[in-house]
């Protein structure tokens, strides 16, 4: 999405030739491959753990770190491996998104008219809001997992990327539609 916005704002004359179906398929395939590359490590490290009699996870869903807390064996290697393999999966796309938006912001600041700047910014603001909520909460839960953190805080933060982001995503993008704006005004009045 950020690359799409980058091309639309920074390279508008070449947008239709660069952003085609073939590129979209490649970007999707790269995303899936990157995400699935961590799965074997986490599955194998969880499968090699020895679990005690306790079988209730202190979480809203079966998350990896709360699952490891049920283990009777030493989980430090599993935690370290997961963090090491997860960092590139989270930081690589996040860095590309931030890099795209830095280039976009640079181009937006070059626009002379305030209306043009406002249009360009509004094109990106909804995606940037969703990305910030998603990656901010993900990095907060998995990027800096501290054992002494309150389980309640971890549960609430994990709700942001599992429930809140997918829930608000369609609403944020729909609010640009004038019919949706009018329907929302009618509901609120």
N, C-alpha and C. Protein backbone atom coordinates (compact mmCIF):
# COMPACT_ATOMS: atom_id res chain seq x y z
N UNK A 1 0.82 -1.19 0.00
CA UNK A 1 0.00 0.00 0.00
C UNK A 1 0.87 1.26 0.00
N UNK A 2 1.94 1.23 0.80
CA UNK A 2 2.80 2.42 0.85
C UNK A 2 3.54 2.61 -0.47
N UNK A 3 3.91 1.50 -1.11
CA UNK A 3 4.57 1.61 -2.42
C UNK A 3 3.60 2.16 -3.46
N UNK A 4 2.34 1.75 -3.37
CA UNK A 4 1.31 2.27 -4.26
C UNK A 4 1.16 3.78 -4.08
N UNK A 5 1.10 4.22 -2.82
CA UNK A 5 1.00 5.65 -2.53
C UNK A 5 2.26 6.39 -3.00
N UNK A 6 3.41 5.76 -2.78
CA UNK A 6 4.68 6.36 -3.20
C UNK A 6 4.67 6.61 -4.71
N UNK A 7 4.28 5.58 -5.48
CA UNK A 7 4.24 5.75 -6.94
C UNK A 7 3.22 6.80 -7.35
N UNK A 8 2.05 6.79 -6.73
CA UNK A 8 0.99 7.72 -7.10
C UNK A 8 1.38 9.17 -6.84
N UNK A 9 2.14 9.42 -5.78
CA UNK A 9 2.50 10.79 -5.43
C UNK A 9 3.85 11.20 -6.00
N UNK A 10 4.84 10.33 -5.91
CA UNK A 10 6.21 10.68 -6.32
C UNK A 10 6.49 10.41 -7.79
N UNK A 11 5.73 9.52 -8.41
CA UNK A 11 5.96 9.16 -9.80
C UNK A 11 4.63 8.99 -10.53
N UNK A 12 3.77 10.01 -10.53
CA UNK A 12 2.41 9.83 -11.05
C UNK A 12 2.33 9.52 -12.55
N UNK A 13 3.27 10.00 -13.33
CA UNK A 13 3.21 9.76 -14.78
C UNK A 13 3.56 8.32 -15.13
N UNK A 14 4.32 7.65 -14.30
CA UNK A 14 4.71 6.26 -14.57
C UNK A 14 3.91 5.26 -13.73
N UNK A 15 2.93 5.76 -12.97
CA UNK A 15 2.18 4.91 -12.04
C UNK A 15 1.55 3.71 -12.73
N UNK A 16 0.80 3.94 -13.79
CA UNK A 16 0.07 2.83 -14.43
C UNK A 16 1.00 1.82 -15.10
N UNK A 17 2.17 2.25 -15.51
CA UNK A 17 3.10 1.30 -16.12
C UNK A 17 3.88 0.50 -15.06
N UNK A 18 4.12 1.11 -13.90
CA UNK A 18 4.87 0.42 -12.85
C UNK A 18 3.98 -0.44 -11.95
N UNK A 19 2.82 0.09 -11.57
CA UNK A 19 1.93 -0.64 -10.67
C UNK A 19 0.94 -1.46 -11.51
N UNK A 20 1.34 -2.68 -11.81
CA UNK A 20 0.50 -3.55 -12.62
C UNK A 20 0.20 -4.84 -11.84
N UNK A 21 -0.57 -5.71 -12.45
CA UNK A 21 -1.00 -6.95 -11.78
C UNK A 21 0.20 -7.82 -11.41
N UNK A 22 1.19 -7.90 -12.29
CA UNK A 22 2.37 -8.74 -12.05
C UNK A 22 3.13 -8.26 -10.80
N UNK A 23 3.29 -6.96 -10.66
CA UNK A 23 3.99 -6.41 -9.50
C UNK A 23 3.18 -6.67 -8.23
N UNK A 24 1.88 -6.51 -8.29
CA UNK A 24 1.03 -6.77 -7.13
C UNK A 24 1.16 -8.21 -6.65
N UNK A 25 1.18 -9.14 -7.58
CA UNK A 25 1.34 -10.55 -7.23
C UNK A 25 2.71 -10.79 -6.59
N UNK A 26 3.74 -10.16 -7.13
CA UNK A 26 5.09 -10.31 -6.55
C UNK A 26 5.15 -9.75 -5.13
N UNK A 27 4.54 -8.59 -4.91
CA UNK A 27 4.54 -7.98 -3.58
C UNK A 27 3.79 -8.84 -2.58
N UNK A 28 2.67 -9.41 -3.01
CA UNK A 28 1.89 -10.28 -2.13
C UNK A 28 2.68 -11.55 -1.82
N UNK A 29 3.30 -12.14 -2.83
CA UNK A 29 4.09 -13.37 -2.63
C UNK A 29 5.25 -13.11 -1.69
N UNK A 30 5.93 -11.98 -1.84
CA UNK A 30 7.04 -11.64 -0.95
C UNK A 30 6.55 -11.47 0.49
N UNK A 31 5.40 -10.86 0.67
CA UNK A 31 4.84 -10.68 2.01
C UNK A 31 4.54 -12.02 2.66
N UNK A 32 3.90 -12.90 1.92
CA UNK A 32 3.57 -14.22 2.45
C UNK A 32 4.82 -15.03 2.76
N UNK A 33 5.80 -15.02 1.86
CA UNK A 33 7.03 -15.78 2.09
C UNK A 33 7.79 -15.26 3.30
N UNK A 34 7.84 -13.95 3.45
CA UNK A 34 8.52 -13.37 4.60
C UNK A 34 7.82 -13.76 5.90
N UNK A 35 6.50 -13.68 5.90
CA UNK A 35 5.75 -14.03 7.11
C UNK A 35 5.84 -15.52 7.43
N UNK A 36 5.79 -16.35 6.39
CA UNK A 36 5.84 -17.80 6.62
C UNK A 36 7.24 -18.30 6.94
N UNK A 37 8.26 -17.49 6.72
CA UNK A 37 9.63 -17.92 7.00
C UNK A 37 9.88 -18.11 8.49
N UNK A 38 9.13 -17.45 9.34
CA UNK A 38 9.32 -17.54 10.79
C UNK A 38 8.55 -18.72 11.37
N UNK A 39 7.53 -19.16 10.69
CA UNK A 39 6.65 -20.21 11.22
C UNK A 39 7.38 -21.49 11.62
N UNK A 40 8.26 -22.05 10.78
CA UNK A 40 8.93 -23.29 11.21
C UNK A 40 9.74 -23.13 12.50
N UNK A 41 10.39 -22.00 12.67
CA UNK A 41 11.19 -21.78 13.87
C UNK A 41 10.30 -21.77 15.11
N UNK A 42 9.20 -21.04 15.05
CA UNK A 42 8.33 -20.95 16.22
C UNK A 42 7.62 -22.28 16.51
N UNK A 43 7.21 -22.97 15.46
CA UNK A 43 6.53 -24.25 15.65
C UNK A 43 7.49 -25.28 16.25
N UNK A 44 8.69 -25.38 15.71
CA UNK A 44 9.66 -26.36 16.20
C UNK A 44 10.08 -26.03 17.63
N UNK A 45 10.32 -24.75 17.91
CA UNK A 45 10.74 -24.40 19.27
C UNK A 45 9.62 -24.61 20.28
N UNK A 46 8.37 -24.42 19.89
CA UNK A 46 7.25 -24.69 20.80
C UNK A 46 7.03 -26.19 20.94
N UNK A 47 7.22 -26.94 19.88
CA UNK A 47 6.99 -28.39 19.91
C UNK A 47 8.05 -29.12 20.74
N UNK A 48 9.22 -28.54 20.88
CA UNK A 48 10.28 -29.20 21.65
C UNK A 48 10.19 -28.88 23.14
N UNK A 49 9.26 -28.03 23.52
CA UNK A 49 9.10 -27.69 24.94
C UNK A 49 8.36 -28.80 25.68
N UNK A 50 8.67 -28.91 26.96
CA UNK A 50 7.96 -29.87 27.82
C UNK A 50 6.93 -29.08 28.62
N UNK A 51 5.66 -29.47 28.53
CA UNK A 51 4.60 -28.73 29.18
C UNK A 51 4.12 -29.44 30.43
N UNK A 52 3.77 -28.65 31.44
CA UNK A 52 3.31 -29.17 32.73
C UNK A 52 1.82 -29.48 32.68
N UNK A 53 1.25 -29.70 33.83
CA UNK A 53 -0.17 -30.02 33.92
C UNK A 53 -1.07 -28.83 33.62
N UNK A 54 -0.57 -27.63 33.89
CA UNK A 54 -1.38 -26.45 33.65
C UNK A 54 -1.65 -26.29 32.15
N UNK A 55 -2.91 -26.04 31.78
CA UNK A 55 -3.24 -25.91 30.37
C UNK A 55 -4.09 -24.68 30.08
N UNK A 56 -4.09 -23.71 30.97
CA UNK A 56 -4.85 -22.48 30.76
C UNK A 56 -3.89 -21.34 30.46
N UNK A 57 -4.05 -20.74 29.28
CA UNK A 57 -3.19 -19.63 28.88
C UNK A 57 -3.80 -18.33 29.38
N UNK A 58 -2.98 -17.51 30.01
CA UNK A 58 -3.44 -16.22 30.52
C UNK A 58 -3.41 -15.19 29.39
N UNK A 59 -4.33 -15.37 28.45
CA UNK A 59 -4.39 -14.49 27.28
C UNK A 59 -5.75 -14.64 26.62
N UNK A 60 -6.05 -13.74 25.68
CA UNK A 60 -7.33 -13.81 24.97
C UNK A 60 -7.33 -14.89 23.88
N UNK A 61 -6.14 -15.20 23.37
CA UNK A 61 -6.00 -16.21 22.32
C UNK A 61 -4.69 -16.94 22.54
N UNK A 62 -4.46 -18.00 21.80
CA UNK A 62 -3.27 -18.82 21.98
C UNK A 62 -2.07 -18.12 21.33
N UNK A 63 -1.47 -17.22 22.07
CA UNK A 63 -0.31 -16.48 21.59
C UNK A 63 0.97 -17.21 22.00
N UNK A 64 2.03 -16.94 21.30
CA UNK A 64 3.27 -17.71 21.47
C UNK A 64 3.91 -17.54 22.84
N UNK A 65 4.16 -16.31 23.28
CA UNK A 65 4.84 -16.11 24.55
C UNK A 65 4.01 -16.57 25.75
N UNK A 66 2.69 -16.32 25.79
CA UNK A 66 1.90 -16.91 26.88
C UNK A 66 1.89 -18.44 26.84
N UNK A 67 1.99 -19.03 25.65
CA UNK A 67 2.08 -20.49 25.54
C UNK A 67 3.39 -20.99 26.15
N UNK A 68 4.47 -20.26 25.89
CA UNK A 68 5.77 -20.65 26.46
C UNK A 68 5.78 -20.56 27.99
N UNK A 69 4.96 -19.70 28.55
CA UNK A 69 4.89 -19.58 30.01
C UNK A 69 4.35 -20.84 30.66
N UNK A 70 3.63 -21.67 29.91
CA UNK A 70 3.10 -22.93 30.44
C UNK A 70 4.17 -24.03 30.48
N UNK A 71 5.28 -23.79 29.82
CA UNK A 71 6.32 -24.80 29.72
C UNK A 71 7.07 -24.99 31.04
N UNK A 72 7.39 -26.26 31.33
CA UNK A 72 8.20 -26.58 32.52
C UNK A 72 9.69 -26.46 32.22
N UNK A 73 10.05 -26.57 30.95
CA UNK A 73 11.47 -26.53 30.57
C UNK A 73 11.92 -25.08 30.38
N UNK A 74 13.22 -24.92 30.15
CA UNK A 74 13.81 -23.60 29.95
C UNK A 74 13.39 -23.06 28.58
N UNK A 75 12.75 -21.91 28.57
CA UNK A 75 12.23 -21.33 27.32
C UNK A 75 13.09 -20.20 26.79
N UNK A 76 14.22 -19.95 27.42
CA UNK A 76 15.04 -18.79 27.01
C UNK A 76 15.52 -18.92 25.58
N UNK A 77 15.95 -20.11 25.14
CA UNK A 77 16.41 -20.29 23.76
C UNK A 77 15.26 -20.10 22.77
N UNK A 78 14.09 -20.62 23.10
CA UNK A 78 12.92 -20.45 22.23
C UNK A 78 12.54 -18.99 22.10
N UNK A 79 12.60 -18.25 23.20
CA UNK A 79 12.28 -16.82 23.18
C UNK A 79 13.30 -16.05 22.34
N UNK A 80 14.57 -16.35 22.54
CA UNK A 80 15.62 -15.65 21.81
C UNK A 80 15.52 -15.94 20.31
N UNK A 81 15.32 -17.20 19.95
CA UNK A 81 15.17 -17.57 18.53
C UNK A 81 13.99 -16.86 17.90
N UNK A 82 12.88 -16.83 18.61
CA UNK A 82 11.68 -16.18 18.08
C UNK A 82 11.91 -14.69 17.86
N UNK A 83 12.54 -14.05 18.82
CA UNK A 83 12.81 -12.61 18.67
C UNK A 83 13.78 -12.36 17.52
N UNK A 84 14.84 -13.18 17.43
CA UNK A 84 15.83 -13.00 16.36
C UNK A 84 15.18 -13.17 14.98
N UNK A 85 14.33 -14.18 14.83
CA UNK A 85 13.70 -14.41 13.54
C UNK A 85 12.54 -13.46 13.26
N UNK A 86 11.92 -12.94 14.31
CA UNK A 86 10.77 -12.03 14.12
C UNK A 86 11.20 -10.61 13.79
N UNK A 87 12.34 -10.21 14.29
CA UNK A 87 12.79 -8.82 14.07
C UNK A 87 12.85 -8.47 12.58
N UNK A 88 13.49 -9.28 11.72
CA UNK A 88 13.50 -8.91 10.30
C UNK A 88 12.10 -8.94 9.66
N UNK A 89 11.26 -9.86 10.12
CA UNK A 89 9.91 -9.98 9.54
C UNK A 89 9.08 -8.75 9.87
N UNK A 90 9.31 -8.16 11.02
CA UNK A 90 8.56 -6.96 11.41
C UNK A 90 9.27 -5.70 10.90
N UNK A 91 10.57 -5.62 11.10
CA UNK A 91 11.29 -4.39 10.79
C UNK A 91 11.51 -4.15 9.29
N UNK A 92 11.67 -5.20 8.49
CA UNK A 92 11.88 -5.01 7.06
C UNK A 92 10.67 -4.33 6.39
N UNK A 93 9.45 -4.87 6.55
CA UNK A 93 8.31 -4.17 5.95
C UNK A 93 8.07 -2.80 6.57
N UNK A 94 8.26 -2.71 7.89
CA UNK A 94 8.06 -1.43 8.58
C UNK A 94 9.04 -0.39 8.05
N UNK A 95 10.29 -0.78 7.84
CA UNK A 95 11.29 0.15 7.31
C UNK A 95 10.94 0.59 5.89
N UNK A 96 10.46 -0.35 5.07
CA UNK A 96 10.06 0.02 3.71
C UNK A 96 8.87 0.99 3.72
N UNK A 97 7.94 0.76 4.62
CA UNK A 97 6.77 1.65 4.72
C UNK A 97 7.22 3.03 5.18
N UNK A 98 8.04 3.09 6.21
CA UNK A 98 8.52 4.38 6.71
C UNK A 98 9.35 5.09 5.65
N UNK A 99 10.21 4.34 4.95
CA UNK A 99 11.00 4.94 3.87
C UNK A 99 10.12 5.52 2.77
N UNK A 100 9.07 4.79 2.41
CA UNK A 100 8.13 5.28 1.39
C UNK A 100 7.48 6.58 1.84
N UNK A 101 7.05 6.60 3.10
CA UNK A 101 6.37 7.79 3.60
C UNK A 101 7.31 8.97 3.81
N UNK A 102 8.57 8.71 4.05
CA UNK A 102 9.54 9.81 4.12
C UNK A 102 9.68 10.44 2.73
N UNK A 103 9.78 9.59 1.69
CA UNK A 103 9.85 10.10 0.31
C UNK A 103 8.57 10.84 -0.06
N UNK A 104 7.44 10.31 0.35
CA UNK A 104 6.15 10.94 0.07
C UNK A 104 6.07 12.30 0.77
N UNK A 105 6.47 12.36 2.04
CA UNK A 105 6.44 13.63 2.78
C UNK A 105 7.35 14.66 2.11
N UNK A 106 8.50 14.21 1.64
CA UNK A 106 9.42 15.10 0.93
C UNK A 106 8.76 15.68 -0.32
N UNK A 107 8.05 14.84 -1.07
CA UNK A 107 7.36 15.29 -2.28
C UNK A 107 6.18 16.20 -1.94
N UNK A 108 5.45 15.87 -0.88
CA UNK A 108 4.29 16.68 -0.49
C UNK A 108 4.73 18.09 -0.10
N UNK A 109 5.86 18.18 0.58
CA UNK A 109 6.35 19.50 0.99
C UNK A 109 6.77 20.36 -0.20
N UNK A 110 7.04 19.73 -1.34
CA UNK A 110 7.40 20.48 -2.55
C UNK A 110 6.16 21.07 -3.24
N UNK A 111 4.98 20.55 -2.95
CA UNK A 111 3.75 21.03 -3.58
C UNK A 111 3.49 22.46 -3.12
N UNK A 112 3.24 23.34 -4.08
CA UNK A 112 3.08 24.75 -3.78
C UNK A 112 1.72 25.07 -3.17
N UNK A 113 0.66 24.54 -3.75
CA UNK A 113 -0.69 24.88 -3.27
C UNK A 113 -1.03 24.10 -2.00
N UNK A 114 -1.71 24.78 -1.09
CA UNK A 114 -2.09 24.11 0.17
C UNK A 114 -3.17 23.06 -0.07
N UNK A 115 -4.03 23.29 -1.06
CA UNK A 115 -5.07 22.31 -1.40
C UNK A 115 -4.43 21.04 -1.94
N UNK A 116 -3.43 21.19 -2.79
CA UNK A 116 -2.72 20.03 -3.33
C UNK A 116 -2.00 19.26 -2.24
N UNK A 117 -1.37 19.99 -1.30
CA UNK A 117 -0.71 19.34 -0.18
C UNK A 117 -1.71 18.59 0.69
N UNK A 118 -2.86 19.21 0.92
CA UNK A 118 -3.89 18.59 1.76
C UNK A 118 -4.44 17.32 1.10
N UNK A 119 -4.66 17.36 -0.21
CA UNK A 119 -5.14 16.17 -0.93
C UNK A 119 -4.13 15.04 -0.87
N UNK A 120 -2.87 15.37 -1.10
CA UNK A 120 -1.82 14.35 -1.08
C UNK A 120 -1.67 13.76 0.33
N UNK A 121 -1.75 14.61 1.33
CA UNK A 121 -1.63 14.11 2.70
C UNK A 121 -2.83 13.25 3.08
N UNK A 122 -4.03 13.64 2.68
CA UNK A 122 -5.21 12.85 3.03
C UNK A 122 -5.20 11.49 2.35
N UNK A 123 -4.55 11.40 1.19
CA UNK A 123 -4.42 10.12 0.50
C UNK A 123 -3.63 9.13 1.36
N UNK A 124 -2.64 9.62 2.07
CA UNK A 124 -1.74 8.75 2.83
C UNK A 124 -2.11 8.62 4.30
N UNK A 125 -2.85 9.56 4.84
CA UNK A 125 -3.06 9.59 6.29
C UNK A 125 -3.80 8.37 6.82
N UNK A 126 -4.78 7.86 6.09
CA UNK A 126 -5.53 6.71 6.59
C UNK A 126 -4.65 5.47 6.67
N UNK A 127 -3.86 5.24 5.65
CA UNK A 127 -2.96 4.08 5.67
C UNK A 127 -1.90 4.24 6.75
N UNK A 128 -1.38 5.42 6.89
CA UNK A 128 -0.36 5.68 7.90
C UNK A 128 -0.92 5.47 9.31
N UNK A 129 -2.18 5.84 9.53
CA UNK A 129 -2.80 5.63 10.84
C UNK A 129 -2.92 4.14 11.16
N UNK A 130 -3.39 3.35 10.20
CA UNK A 130 -3.55 1.91 10.42
C UNK A 130 -2.19 1.25 10.61
N UNK A 131 -1.21 1.64 9.80
CA UNK A 131 0.14 1.07 9.92
C UNK A 131 0.75 1.40 11.28
N UNK A 132 0.55 2.62 11.75
CA UNK A 132 1.09 3.03 13.04
C UNK A 132 0.50 2.22 14.18
N UNK A 133 -0.81 2.03 14.16
CA UNK A 133 -1.46 1.24 15.21
C UNK A 133 -0.98 -0.21 15.15
N UNK A 134 -0.94 -0.79 13.94
CA UNK A 134 -0.57 -2.19 13.79
C UNK A 134 0.88 -2.44 14.21
N UNK A 135 1.81 -1.72 13.59
CA UNK A 135 3.23 -1.97 13.88
C UNK A 135 3.62 -1.48 15.27
N UNK A 136 3.02 -0.40 15.73
CA UNK A 136 3.32 0.07 17.08
C UNK A 136 2.97 -0.97 18.13
N UNK A 137 1.78 -1.55 18.01
CA UNK A 137 1.38 -2.57 18.98
C UNK A 137 2.17 -3.86 18.80
N UNK A 138 2.47 -4.23 17.57
CA UNK A 138 3.25 -5.45 17.31
C UNK A 138 4.65 -5.34 17.89
N UNK A 139 5.30 -4.22 17.67
CA UNK A 139 6.64 -4.02 18.21
C UNK A 139 6.59 -3.95 19.73
N UNK A 140 5.52 -3.36 20.27
CA UNK A 140 5.38 -3.30 21.72
C UNK A 140 5.23 -4.67 22.37
N UNK A 141 4.55 -5.58 21.70
CA UNK A 141 4.32 -6.91 22.28
C UNK A 141 5.48 -7.85 21.99
N UNK A 142 5.94 -7.91 20.74
CA UNK A 142 6.94 -8.91 20.36
C UNK A 142 8.36 -8.36 20.24
N UNK A 143 8.49 -7.11 19.90
CA UNK A 143 9.82 -6.55 19.71
C UNK A 143 10.55 -6.30 21.01
N UNK A 144 9.80 -6.00 22.06
CA UNK A 144 10.40 -5.71 23.35
C UNK A 144 9.69 -6.52 24.43
N UNK A 145 9.72 -7.85 24.32
CA UNK A 145 9.01 -8.65 25.34
C UNK A 145 9.79 -8.70 26.65
N UNK A 146 9.28 -8.02 27.65
CA UNK A 146 9.90 -8.01 28.97
C UNK A 146 9.05 -8.90 29.88
N UNK A 147 9.70 -9.80 30.57
CA UNK A 147 8.98 -10.79 31.36
C UNK A 147 8.19 -10.16 32.50
N UNK A 148 8.63 -9.03 33.03
CA UNK A 148 7.98 -8.41 34.19
C UNK A 148 6.81 -7.51 33.83
N UNK A 149 6.52 -7.36 32.53
CA UNK A 149 5.41 -6.52 32.13
C UNK A 149 4.10 -7.12 32.60
N UNK A 150 3.15 -6.26 32.83
CA UNK A 150 1.83 -6.71 33.27
C UNK A 150 1.16 -7.49 32.13
N UNK A 151 0.62 -8.65 32.47
CA UNK A 151 -0.08 -9.48 31.48
C UNK A 151 -1.29 -8.73 30.92
N UNK A 152 -1.92 -7.90 31.75
CA UNK A 152 -3.10 -7.16 31.29
C UNK A 152 -2.71 -6.17 30.19
N UNK A 153 -1.59 -5.50 30.36
CA UNK A 153 -1.13 -4.55 29.35
C UNK A 153 -0.82 -5.27 28.05
N UNK A 154 -0.16 -6.41 28.13
CA UNK A 154 0.17 -7.20 26.94
C UNK A 154 -1.12 -7.63 26.23
N UNK A 155 -2.11 -8.06 27.01
CA UNK A 155 -3.38 -8.50 26.41
C UNK A 155 -4.08 -7.35 25.69
N UNK A 156 -4.09 -6.19 26.32
CA UNK A 156 -4.75 -5.02 25.71
C UNK A 156 -4.01 -4.60 24.44
N UNK A 157 -2.69 -4.57 24.49
CA UNK A 157 -1.91 -4.18 23.31
C UNK A 157 -2.10 -5.20 22.19
N UNK A 158 -2.16 -6.48 22.53
CA UNK A 158 -2.36 -7.49 21.49
C UNK A 158 -3.74 -7.38 20.85
N UNK A 159 -4.72 -6.85 21.59
CA UNK A 159 -6.04 -6.61 20.99
C UNK A 159 -5.97 -5.55 19.90
N UNK A 160 -5.03 -4.61 20.03
CA UNK A 160 -4.89 -3.56 19.02
C UNK A 160 -4.58 -4.14 17.65
N UNK A 161 -3.63 -5.08 17.57
CA UNK A 161 -3.26 -5.59 16.25
C UNK A 161 -4.12 -6.76 15.79
N UNK A 162 -4.83 -7.42 16.72
CA UNK A 162 -5.66 -8.55 16.29
C UNK A 162 -7.11 -8.18 16.05
N UNK A 163 -7.63 -7.20 16.80
CA UNK A 163 -9.05 -6.85 16.69
C UNK A 163 -9.26 -5.43 16.19
N UNK A 164 -8.61 -4.48 16.83
CA UNK A 164 -8.87 -3.07 16.53
C UNK A 164 -8.45 -2.71 15.11
N UNK A 165 -7.23 -3.08 14.72
CA UNK A 165 -6.75 -2.73 13.38
C UNK A 165 -7.64 -3.28 12.27
N UNK A 166 -7.97 -4.57 12.26
CA UNK A 166 -8.87 -5.06 11.21
C UNK A 166 -10.27 -4.44 11.28
N UNK A 167 -10.71 -4.08 12.50
CA UNK A 167 -12.03 -3.49 12.67
C UNK A 167 -12.09 -2.06 12.12
N UNK A 168 -11.08 -1.25 12.44
CA UNK A 168 -11.12 0.15 12.00
C UNK A 168 -10.63 0.34 10.58
N UNK A 169 -9.91 -0.62 10.03
CA UNK A 169 -9.37 -0.50 8.68
C UNK A 169 -10.46 -0.16 7.65
N UNK A 170 -11.54 -0.94 7.55
CA UNK A 170 -12.58 -0.58 6.57
C UNK A 170 -13.24 0.76 6.87
N UNK A 171 -13.39 1.08 8.15
CA UNK A 171 -14.02 2.36 8.50
C UNK A 171 -13.15 3.54 8.08
N UNK A 172 -11.84 3.43 8.32
CA UNK A 172 -10.94 4.53 7.96
C UNK A 172 -10.96 4.77 6.46
N UNK A 173 -10.90 3.69 5.68
CA UNK A 173 -10.88 3.85 4.22
C UNK A 173 -12.25 4.25 3.68
N UNK A 174 -13.31 3.86 4.37
CA UNK A 174 -14.66 4.21 3.91
C UNK A 174 -15.00 5.66 4.17
N UNK A 175 -14.37 6.28 5.15
CA UNK A 175 -14.70 7.67 5.48
C UNK A 175 -14.31 8.65 4.39
N UNK A 176 -13.51 8.20 3.42
CA UNK A 176 -13.19 9.07 2.29
C UNK A 176 -14.33 9.12 1.29
N UNK A 177 -15.19 8.14 1.32
CA UNK A 177 -16.33 8.05 0.42
C UNK A 177 -17.41 9.02 0.89
N UNK A 178 -17.89 9.87 0.00
CA UNK A 178 -18.90 10.87 0.38
C UNK A 178 -20.21 10.23 0.83
N UNK A 179 -20.61 9.12 0.21
CA UNK A 179 -21.83 8.43 0.64
C UNK A 179 -21.69 7.94 2.09
N UNK A 180 -20.53 7.42 2.43
CA UNK A 180 -20.29 6.96 3.80
C UNK A 180 -20.29 8.13 4.77
N UNK A 181 -19.71 9.25 4.36
CA UNK A 181 -19.70 10.44 5.22
C UNK A 181 -21.13 10.89 5.50
N UNK A 182 -21.94 10.93 4.44
CA UNK A 182 -23.33 11.35 4.62
C UNK A 182 -24.12 10.38 5.49
N UNK A 183 -23.90 9.09 5.30
CA UNK A 183 -24.60 8.08 6.12
C UNK A 183 -24.17 8.21 7.58
N UNK A 184 -22.88 8.47 7.83
CA UNK A 184 -22.40 8.64 9.19
C UNK A 184 -23.00 9.89 9.83
N UNK A 185 -23.11 10.97 9.07
CA UNK A 185 -23.74 12.18 9.58
C UNK A 185 -25.19 11.93 9.95
N UNK A 186 -25.90 11.15 9.10
CA UNK A 186 -27.31 10.84 9.39
C UNK A 186 -27.44 9.99 10.66
N UNK A 187 -26.53 9.07 10.86
CA UNK A 187 -26.57 8.22 12.05
C UNK A 187 -26.29 9.03 13.30
N UNK A 188 -25.32 9.94 13.22
CA UNK A 188 -24.93 10.74 14.38
C UNK A 188 -25.95 11.83 14.73
N UNK A 189 -26.80 12.20 13.79
CA UNK A 189 -27.79 13.27 14.06
C UNK A 189 -29.05 12.74 14.62
